[in-house]
Amino acid sequence: MEAYEACLNATSTHHAPWYVVPADDKENARLIVSQIVLDTFKELKMAYPKVTEQRRRELKAIRKRL
């Protein structure tokens, strides 16, 4: 246990963290992993790209051709 703790403490960073998730409790493990993924997505602050009116018309024309 001490070796694992030392390894995780030495290699886990804010940019690339390690997470210890219990493997013997699948329901809680899945909840923990889901929360980690959700929190990570929220930190990314992603947004759809802004589209100009001209580009919107171009995309409509492309869609018609398809």
PDB file of N, CA and C in Angstrom:
ATOM      1  N   MET A   1       0.827  -1.195   0.000  1.00  0.00           N
ATOM      2  CA  MET A   1       0.000   0.000   0.000  1.00  0.00           C
ATOM      3  C   MET A   1       0.871   1.259   0.000  1.00  0.00           C
ATOM      4  N   GLU A   2       1.944   1.234   0.770  1.00  0.00           N
ATOM      5  CA  GLU A   2       2.821   2.404   0.822  1.00  0.00           C
ATOM      6  C   GLU A   2       3.490   2.655  -0.516  1.00  0.00           C
ATOM      7  N   ALA A   3       3.853   1.578  -1.219  1.00  0.00           N
ATOM      8  CA  ALA A   3       4.489   1.723  -2.529  1.00  0.00           C
ATOM      9  C   ALA A   3       3.511   2.330  -3.530  1.00  0.00           C
ATOM     10  N   TYR A   4       2.265   1.878  -3.504  1.00  0.00           N
ATOM     11  CA  TYR A   4       1.260   2.441  -4.409  1.00  0.00           C
ATOM     12  C   TYR A   4       1.030   3.912  -4.083  1.00  0.00           C
ATOM     13  N   GLU A   5       0.925   4.230  -2.808  1.00  0.00           N
ATOM     14  CA  GLU A   5       0.707   5.609  -2.403  1.00  0.00           C
ATOM     15  C   GLU A   5       1.876   6.488  -2.848  1.00  0.00           C
ATOM     16  N   ALA A   6       3.086   6.007  -2.665  1.00  0.00           N
ATOM     17  CA  ALA A   6       4.268   6.771  -3.075  1.00  0.00           C
ATOM     18  C   ALA A   6       4.280   6.979  -4.585  1.00  0.00           C
ATOM     19  N   CYS A   7       3.931   5.946  -5.324  1.00  0.00           N
ATOM     20  CA  CYS A   7       3.897   6.030  -6.790  1.00  0.00           C
ATOM     21  C   CYS A   7       2.864   7.060  -7.247  1.00  0.00           C
ATOM     22  N   LEU A   8       1.663   6.979  -6.690  1.00  0.00           N
ATOM     23  CA  LEU A   8       0.605   7.905  -7.080  1.00  0.00           C
ATOM     24  C   LEU A   8       0.958   9.337  -6.699  1.00  0.00           C
ATOM     25  N   ASN A   9       1.503   9.529  -5.521  1.00  0.00           N
ATOM     26  CA  ASN A   9       1.883  10.876  -5.088  1.00  0.00           C
ATOM     27  C   ASN A   9       2.995  11.453  -5.956  1.00  0.00           C
ATOM     28  N   ALA A  10       3.879  10.606  -6.437  1.00  0.00           N
ATOM     29  CA  ALA A  10       5.004  11.070  -7.246  1.00  0.00           C
ATOM     30  C   ALA A  10       4.624  11.352  -8.695  1.00  0.00           C
ATOM     31  N   THR A  11       3.572  10.722  -9.186  1.00  0.00           N
ATOM     32  CA  THR A  11       3.244  10.841 -10.609  1.00  0.00           C
ATOM     33  C   THR A  11       1.946  11.584 -10.903  1.00  0.00           C
ATOM     34  N   SER A  12       1.096  11.762  -9.942  1.00  0.00           N
ATOM     35  CA  SER A  12      -0.171  12.442 -10.169  1.00  0.00           C
ATOM     36  C   SER A  12       0.042  13.954 -10.146  1.00  0.00           C
ATOM     37  N   THR A  13      -0.465  14.628 -11.178  1.00  0.00           N
ATOM     38  CA  THR A  13      -0.364  16.085 -11.253  1.00  0.00           C
ATOM     39  C   THR A  13      -1.745  16.672 -11.510  1.00  0.00           C
ATOM     40  N   HIS A  14      -1.860  17.983 -11.390  1.00  0.00           N
ATOM     41  CA  HIS A  14      -3.153  18.618 -11.686  1.00  0.00           C
ATOM     42  C   HIS A  14      -3.522  18.399 -13.157  1.00  0.00           C
ATOM     43  N   HIS A  15      -2.521  18.446 -14.013  1.00  0.00           N
ATOM     44  CA  HIS A  15      -2.759  18.273 -15.453  1.00  0.00           C
ATOM     45  C   HIS A  15      -3.111  16.821 -15.801  1.00  0.00           C
ATOM     46  N   ALA A  16      -2.530  15.861 -15.089  1.00  0.00           N
ATOM     47  CA  ALA A  16      -2.754  14.439 -15.364  1.00  0.00           C
ATOM     48  C   ALA A  16      -2.899  13.687 -14.039  1.00  0.00           C
ATOM     49  N   PRO A  17      -4.074  13.819 -13.416  1.00  0.00           N
ATOM     50  CA  PRO A  17      -4.255  13.200 -12.102  1.00  0.00           C
ATOM     51  C   PRO A  17      -4.547  11.702 -12.185  1.00  0.00           C
ATOM     52  N   TRP A  18      -4.222  11.014 -11.104  1.00  0.00           N
ATOM     53  CA  TRP A  18      -4.596   9.622 -10.926  1.00  0.00           C
ATOM     54  C   TRP A  18      -5.812   9.602 -10.003  1.00  0.00           C
ATOM     55  N   TYR A  19      -6.693   8.641 -10.213  1.00  0.00           N
ATOM     56  CA  TYR A  19      -7.854   8.465  -9.346  1.00  0.00           C
ATOM     57  C   TYR A  19      -7.872   7.022  -8.863  1.00  0.00           C
ATOM     58  N   VAL A  20      -8.150   6.849  -7.587  1.00  0.00           N
ATOM     59  CA  VAL A  20      -8.271   5.510  -7.023  1.00  0.00           C
ATOM     60  C   VAL A  20      -9.765   5.213  -6.930  1.00  0.00           C
ATOM     61  N   VAL A  21     -10.203   4.218  -7.698  1.00  0.00           N
ATOM     62  CA  VAL A  21     -11.618   3.869  -7.773  1.00  0.00           C
ATOM     63  C   VAL A  21     -11.776   2.425  -7.303  1.00  0.00           C
ATOM     64  N   PRO A  22     -12.713   2.183  -6.393  1.00  0.00           N
ATOM     65  CA  PRO A  22     -12.884   0.819  -5.895  1.00  0.00           C
ATOM     66  C   PRO A  22     -13.377  -0.126  -6.989  1.00  0.00           C
ATOM     67  N   ALA A  23     -12.700  -1.247  -7.147  1.00  0.00           N
ATOM     68  CA  ALA A  23     -13.067  -2.207  -8.186  1.00  0.00           C
ATOM     69  C   ALA A  23     -14.062  -3.238  -7.692  1.00  0.00           C
ATOM     70  N   ASP A  24     -14.239  -3.343  -6.396  1.00  0.00           N
ATOM     71  CA  ASP A  24     -15.119  -4.378  -5.850  1.00  0.00           C
ATOM     72  C   ASP A  24     -16.561  -3.902  -5.686  1.00  0.00           C
ATOM     73  N   ASP A  25     -16.850  -2.676  -6.058  1.00  0.00           N
ATOM     74  CA  ASP A  25     -18.199  -2.122  -5.940  1.00  0.00           C
ATOM     75  C   ASP A  25     -18.515  -1.417  -7.260  1.00  0.00           C
ATOM     76  N   LYS A  26     -19.005  -2.178  -8.224  1.00  0.00           N
ATOM     77  CA  LYS A  26     -19.188  -1.660  -9.589  1.00  0.00           C
ATOM     78  C   LYS A  26     -20.122  -0.450  -9.644  1.00  0.00           C
ATOM     79  N   GLU A  27     -21.189  -0.474  -8.879  1.00  0.00           N
ATOM     80  CA  GLU A  27     -22.146   0.629  -8.922  1.00  0.00           C
ATOM     81  C   GLU A  27     -21.477   1.944  -8.498  1.00  0.00           C
ATOM     82  N   ASN A  28     -20.786   1.924  -7.377  1.00  0.00           N
ATOM     83  CA  ASN A  28     -20.117   3.134  -6.909  1.00  0.00           C
ATOM     84  C   ASN A  28     -18.919   3.490  -7.789  1.00  0.00           C
ATOM     85  N   ALA A  29     -18.227   2.492  -8.308  1.00  0.00           N
ATOM     86  CA  ALA A  29     -17.101   2.755  -9.200  1.00  0.00           C
ATOM     87  C   ALA A  29     -17.593   3.517 -10.428  1.00  0.00           C
ATOM     88  N   ARG A  30     -18.700   3.086 -10.990  1.00  0.00           N
ATOM     89  CA  ARG A  30     -19.250   3.757 -12.178  1.00  0.00           C
ATOM     90  C   ARG A  30     -19.710   5.175 -11.846  1.00  0.00           C
ATOM     91  N   LEU A  31     -20.285   5.359 -10.663  1.00  0.00           N
ATOM     92  CA  LEU A  31     -20.694   6.702 -10.250  1.00  0.00           C
ATOM     93  C   LEU A  31     -19.485   7.621 -10.089  1.00  0.00           C
ATOM     94  N   ILE A  32     -18.426   7.099  -9.489  1.00  0.00           N
ATOM     95  CA  ILE A  32     -17.211   7.892  -9.282  1.00  0.00           C
ATOM     96  C   ILE A  32     -16.595   8.280 -10.617  1.00  0.00           C
ATOM     97  N   VAL A  33     -16.473   7.318 -11.515  1.00  0.00           N
ATOM     98  CA  VAL A  33     -15.886   7.597 -12.827  1.00  0.00           C
ATOM     99  C   VAL A  33     -16.759   8.587 -13.600  1.00  0.00           C
ATOM    100  N   SER A  34     -18.067   8.424 -13.538  1.00  0.00           N
ATOM    101  CA  SER A  34     -18.983   9.351 -14.219  1.00  0.00           C
ATOM    102  C   SER A  34     -18.816  10.765 -13.692  1.00  0.00           C
ATOM    103  N   GLN A  35     -18.667  10.906 -12.387  1.00  0.00           N
ATOM    104  CA  GLN A  35     -18.487  12.231 -11.796  1.00  0.00           C
ATOM    105  C   GLN A  35     -17.166  12.858 -12.222  1.00  0.00           C
ATOM    106  N   ILE A  36     -16.117  12.048 -12.290  1.00  0.00           N
ATOM    107  CA  ILE A  36     -14.811  12.546 -12.732  1.00  0.00           C
ATOM    108  C   ILE A  36     -14.894  13.046 -14.171  1.00  0.00           C
ATOM    109  N   VAL A  37     -15.541  12.272 -15.040  1.00  0.00           N
ATOM    110  CA  VAL A  37     -15.687  12.667 -16.450  1.00  0.00           C
ATOM    111  C   VAL A  37     -16.513  13.952 -16.552  1.00  0.00           C
ATOM    112  N   LEU A  38     -17.606  14.023 -15.828  1.00  0.00           N
ATOM    113  CA  LEU A  38     -18.468  15.208 -15.852  1.00  0.00           C
ATOM    114  C   LEU A  38     -17.707  16.444 -15.377  1.00  0.00           C
ATOM    115  N   ASP A  39     -16.983  16.319 -14.271  1.00  0.00           N
ATOM    116  CA  ASP A  39     -16.205  17.447 -13.749  1.00  0.00           C
ATOM    117  C   ASP A  39     -15.139  17.894 -14.752  1.00  0.00           C
ATOM    118  N   THR A  40     -14.501  16.933 -15.410  1.00  0.00           N
ATOM    119  CA  THR A  40     -13.472  17.255 -16.394  1.00  0.00           C
ATOM    120  C   THR A  40     -14.072  18.006 -17.574  1.00  0.00           C
ATOM    121  N   PHE A  41     -15.226  17.564 -18.059  1.00  0.00           N
ATOM    122  CA  PHE A  41     -15.889  18.261 -19.163  1.00  0.00           C
ATOM    123  C   PHE A  41     -16.261  19.683 -18.764  1.00  0.00           C
ATOM    124  N   LYS A  42     -16.748  19.872 -17.545  1.00  0.00           N
ATOM    125  CA  LYS A  42     -17.122  21.215 -17.091  1.00  0.00           C
ATOM    126  C   LYS A  42     -15.911  22.131 -17.040  1.00  0.00           C
ATOM    127  N   GLU A  43     -14.751  21.620 -16.655  1.00  0.00           N
ATOM    128  CA  GLU A  43     -13.523  22.421 -16.598  1.00  0.00           C
ATOM    129  C   GLU A  43     -13.068  22.871 -17.983  1.00  0.00           C
ATOM    130  N   LEU A  44     -13.429  22.131 -19.018  1.00  0.00           N
ATOM    131  CA  LEU A  44     -12.996  22.467 -20.370  1.00  0.00           C
ATOM    132  C   LEU A  44     -13.682  23.723 -20.912  1.00  0.00           C
ATOM    133  N   LYS A  45     -14.855  24.054 -20.373  1.00  0.00           N
ATOM    134  CA  LYS A  45     -15.610  25.240 -20.791  1.00  0.00           C
ATOM    135  C   LYS A  45     -15.742  25.305 -22.305  1.00  0.00           C
ATOM    136  N   MET A  46     -16.220  24.219 -22.877  1.00  0.00           N
ATOM    137  CA  MET A  46     -16.390  24.135 -24.323  1.00  0.00           C
ATOM    138  C   MET A  46     -17.661  24.860 -24.757  1.00  0.00           C
ATOM    139  N   ALA A  47     -17.658  25.317 -25.988  1.00  0.00           N
ATOM    140  CA  ALA A  47     -18.832  25.974 -26.561  1.00  0.00           C
ATOM    141  C   ALA A  47     -18.852  25.701 -28.058  1.00  0.00           C
ATOM    142  N   TYR A  48     -20.041  25.759 -28.623  1.00  0.00           N
ATOM    143  CA  TYR A  48     -20.149  25.611 -30.061  1.00  0.00           C
ATOM    144  C   TYR A  48     -19.492  26.813 -30.729  1.00  0.00           C
ATOM    145  N   PRO A  49     -18.898  26.628 -31.884  1.00  0.00           N
ATOM    146  CA  PRO A  49     -18.273  27.772 -32.569  1.00  0.00           C
ATOM    147  C   PRO A  49     -19.344  28.745 -33.049  1.00  0.00           C
ATOM    148  N   LYS A  50     -18.985  30.017 -33.081  1.00  0.00           N
ATOM    149  CA  LYS A  50     -19.911  31.029 -33.587  1.00  0.00           C
ATOM    150  C   LYS A  50     -19.862  30.993 -35.109  1.00  0.00           C
ATOM    151  N   VAL A  51     -21.047  31.031 -35.711  1.00  0.00           N
ATOM    152  CA  VAL A  51     -21.155  30.938 -37.168  1.00  0.00           C
ATOM    153  C   VAL A  51     -21.717  32.251 -37.698  1.00  0.00           C
ATOM    154  N   THR A  52     -21.032  32.811 -38.679  1.00  0.00           N
ATOM    155  CA  THR A  52     -21.528  34.041 -39.293  1.00  0.00           C
ATOM    156  C   THR A  52     -22.735  33.721 -40.174  1.00  0.00           C
ATOM    157  N   GLU A  53     -23.487  34.746 -40.478  1.00  0.00           N
ATOM    158  CA  GLU A  53     -24.669  34.549 -41.332  1.00  0.00           C
ATOM    159  C   GLU A  53     -24.258  34.059 -42.721  1.00  0.00           C
ATOM    160  N   GLN A  54     -23.155  34.562 -43.248  1.00  0.00           N
ATOM    161  CA  GLN A  54     -22.676  34.127 -44.565  1.00  0.00           C
ATOM    162  C   GLN A  54     -22.341  32.632 -44.524  1.00  0.00           C
ATOM    163  N   ARG A  55     -21.643  32.200 -43.487  1.00  0.00           N
ATOM    164  CA  ARG A  55     -21.279  30.785 -43.387  1.00  0.00           C
ATOM    165  C   ARG A  55     -22.517  29.918 -43.219  1.00  0.00           C
ATOM    166  N   ARG A  56     -23.505  30.419 -42.493  1.00  0.00           N
ATOM    167  CA  ARG A  56     -24.767  29.679 -42.313  1.00  0.00           C
ATOM    168  C   ARG A  56     -25.444  29.451 -43.664  1.00  0.00           C
ATOM    169  N   ARG A  57     -25.439  30.466 -44.521  1.00  0.00           N
ATOM    170  CA  ARG A  57     -26.024  30.311 -45.862  1.00  0.00           C
ATOM    171  C   ARG A  57     -25.236  29.284 -46.676  1.00  0.00           C
ATOM    172  N   GLU A  58     -23.896  29.343 -46.573  1.00  0.00           N
ATOM    173  CA  GLU A  58     -23.064  28.371 -47.292  1.00  0.00           C
ATOM    174  C   GLU A  58     -23.385  26.942 -46.829  1.00  0.00           C
ATOM    175  N   LEU A  59     -23.537  26.762 -45.548  1.00  0.00           N
ATOM    176  CA  LEU A  59     -23.844  25.426 -45.021  1.00  0.00           C
ATOM    177  C   LEU A  59     -25.212  24.939 -45.485  1.00  0.00           C
ATOM    178  N   LYS A  60     -26.184  25.855 -45.560  1.00  0.00           N
ATOM    179  CA  LYS A  60     -27.520  25.479 -46.062  1.00  0.00           C
ATOM    180  C   LYS A  60     -27.437  25.033 -47.516  1.00  0.00           C
ATOM    181  N   ALA A  61     -26.631  25.742 -48.310  1.00  0.00           N
ATOM    182  CA  ALA A  61     -26.469  25.379 -49.715  1.00  0.00           C
ATOM    183  C   ALA A  61     -25.793  24.008 -49.831  1.00  0.00           C
ATOM    184  N   ILE A  62     -24.811  23.768 -49.026  1.00  0.00           N
ATOM    185  CA  ILE A  62     -24.138  22.459 -49.025  1.00  0.00           C
ATOM    186  C   ILE A  62     -25.115  21.361 -48.650  1.00  0.00           C
ATOM    187  N   ARG A  63     -25.946  21.623 -47.639  1.00  0.00           N
ATOM    188  CA  ARG A  63     -26.916  20.623 -47.183  1.00  0.00           C
ATOM    189  C   ARG A  63     -27.893  20.268 -48.307  1.00  0.00           C
ATOM    190  N   LYS A  64     -28.322  21.294 -49.071  1.00  0.00           N
ATOM    191  CA  LYS A  64     -29.245  21.036 -50.191  1.00  0.00           C
ATOM    192  C   LYS A  64     -28.618  20.117 -51.222  1.00  0.00           C
ATOM    193  N   ARG A  65     -27.322  20.327 -51.505  1.00  0.00           N
ATOM    194  CA  ARG A  65     -26.629  19.486 -52.488  1.00  0.00           C
ATOM    195  C   ARG A  65     -26.504  18.037 -52.019  1.00  0.00           C
ATOM    196  N   LEU A  66     -26.438  17.841 -50.741  1.00  0.00           N
ATOM    197  CA  LEU A  66     -26.314  16.489 -50.215  1.00  0.00           C
ATOM    198  C   LEU A  66     -27.653  15.775 -50.325  1.00  0.00           C
TER     199      LEU A  66
END
